[in-house]
């Protein structure tokens, strides 16, 4: 950071420095405020960055709300219970069939 015109006390031109987060910005502001020939201000700049996770394969990533996730899990549990119910019915039917044919 100090490889700029800020380190030269004779320079009166404004300089902009950008921090990546609030902590870094506060550090820079405190550092430059401590120098006798500088004053610093800190302004929050909002930037629009899409932080959607990238897909690892060809299938697109779907971002769900907590409500959508819960609905999906409830549907999966319902399907699983139905499969197990059907398996028990089939096993009982096979058991009855074997018992009759003995």
Protein backbone atom coordinates (compact mmCIF):
# COMPACT_ATOMS: atom_id res chain seq x y z
CA UNK A 1 0.00 0.00 0.00
CA UNK A 2 2.76 2.46 0.73
CA UNK A 3 4.19 2.17 -2.79
CA UNK A 4 1.83 4.95 -3.86
CA UNK A 5 2.02 8.71 -3.89
CA UNK A 6 0.57 8.65 -0.36
CA UNK A 7 4.02 8.14 1.16
CA UNK A 8 5.25 11.42 -0.31
CA UNK A 9 4.40 14.29 2.09
CA UNK A 10 4.72 16.79 -0.77
CA UNK A 11 2.00 15.18 -2.88
CA UNK A 12 -1.44 16.81 -2.50
CA UNK A 13 -3.30 14.70 -5.08
CA UNK A 14 -6.17 12.52 -3.79
CA UNK A 15 -5.55 8.77 -3.78
CA UNK A 16 -8.17 6.02 -3.61
CA UNK A 17 -7.38 2.75 -1.85
CA UNK A 18 -9.82 -0.15 -1.81
CA UNK A 19 -10.12 -2.74 0.94
CA UNK A 20 -11.71 -6.14 0.48
CA UNK A 21 -13.64 -6.09 3.75
CA UNK A 22 -14.46 -3.78 6.63
CA UNK A 23 -11.55 -4.96 8.77
CA UNK A 24 -9.03 -4.23 6.05
CA UNK A 25 -10.63 -0.86 5.32
CA UNK A 26 -10.52 0.11 9.00
CA UNK A 27 -6.87 -0.93 9.23
CA UNK A 28 -5.98 1.24 6.22
CA UNK A 29 -7.96 4.19 7.53
CA UNK A 30 -6.27 3.99 10.95
CA UNK A 31 -2.85 3.58 9.35
CA UNK A 32 -3.20 6.61 7.10
CA UNK A 33 -4.90 8.74 9.76
CA UNK A 34 -1.82 8.20 11.92
CA UNK A 35 0.44 9.77 9.27
CA UNK A 36 0.91 13.52 9.77
CA UNK A 37 0.39 14.42 6.10
CA UNK A 38 -2.74 12.37 5.29
CA UNK A 39 -6.40 12.16 6.18
CA UNK A 40 -8.52 9.15 5.30
CA UNK A 41 -12.21 8.54 4.86
CA UNK A 42 -13.98 5.23 4.62
CA UNK A 43 -16.98 4.67 2.33
CA UNK A 44 -18.85 1.42 1.86
CA UNK A 45 -19.28 0.51 -1.80
CA UNK A 46 -21.83 -2.18 -2.56
CA UNK A 47 -21.00 -4.39 -5.49
CA UNK A 48 -23.27 -6.95 -7.09
CA UNK A 49 -21.52 -10.30 -7.22
CA UNK A 50 -23.42 -13.48 -8.01
CA UNK A 51 -22.32 -15.98 -5.37
CA UNK A 52 -24.31 -18.90 -6.77
CA UNK A 53 -22.22 -22.06 -6.43
CA UNK A 54 -20.84 -23.38 -9.70
CA UNK A 55 -21.86 -26.78 -11.00
CA UNK A 56 -19.18 -29.49 -11.04
CA UNK A 57 -20.86 -31.35 -13.86
CA UNK A 58 -23.29 -30.60 -16.62
CA UNK A 59 -26.28 -30.45 -14.30
CA UNK A 60 -27.12 -26.90 -13.19
CA UNK A 61 -26.96 -26.10 -9.48
CA UNK A 62 -30.38 -25.52 -7.93
CA UNK A 63 -30.52 -23.18 -4.94
CA UNK A 64 -33.50 -23.94 -2.70
CA UNK A 65 -35.05 -21.98 0.11
CA UNK A 66 -35.34 -23.78 3.47
CA UNK A 67 -39.08 -24.25 2.80
CA UNK A 68 -38.38 -25.88 -0.56
CA UNK A 69 -35.76 -28.15 1.01
CA UNK A 70 -38.20 -29.24 3.72
CA UNK A 71 -40.93 -29.92 1.14
CA UNK A 72 -38.51 -31.99 -0.94
CA UNK A 73 -37.40 -33.99 2.13
CA UNK A 74 -41.03 -34.60 3.14
CA UNK A 75 -41.76 -35.91 -0.38
CA UNK A 76 -38.69 -38.18 -0.24
CA UNK A 77 -39.79 -39.54 3.15
CA UNK A 78 -43.30 -40.16 1.79
CA UNK A 79 -41.93 -42.03 -1.25
CA UNK A 80 -39.59 -44.07 0.96
CA UNK A 81 -42.43 -45.05 3.29
CA UNK A 82 -44.55 -46.07 0.29
CA UNK A 83 -41.71 -48.23 -1.13
CA UNK A 84 -41.24 -49.95 2.23
CA UNK A 85 -44.99 -50.51 2.57
CA UNK A 86 -45.08 -52.08 -0.90
CA UNK A 87 -42.06 -54.28 -0.10
CA UNK A 88 -43.78 -55.55 3.07
CA UNK A 89 -46.96 -56.31 1.08
CA UNK A 90 -44.94 -58.20 -1.54
CA UNK A 91 -43.03 -60.15 1.11
CA UNK A 92 -46.27 -61.03 2.89
CA UNK A 93 -47.90 -62.12 -0.38
CA UNK A 94 -44.90 -64.32 -1.27
CA UNK A 95 -44.88 -65.82 2.22
CA UNK A 96 -48.60 -66.63 1.98
CA UNK A 97 -48.14 -68.14 -1.48
CA UNK A 98 -45.29 -70.41 -0.30
CA UNK A 99 -47.24 -71.46 2.77
CA UNK A 100 -50.25 -72.48 0.67
CA UNK A 101 -48.15 -74.49 -1.83
CA UNK A 102 -46.39 -76.65 0.77
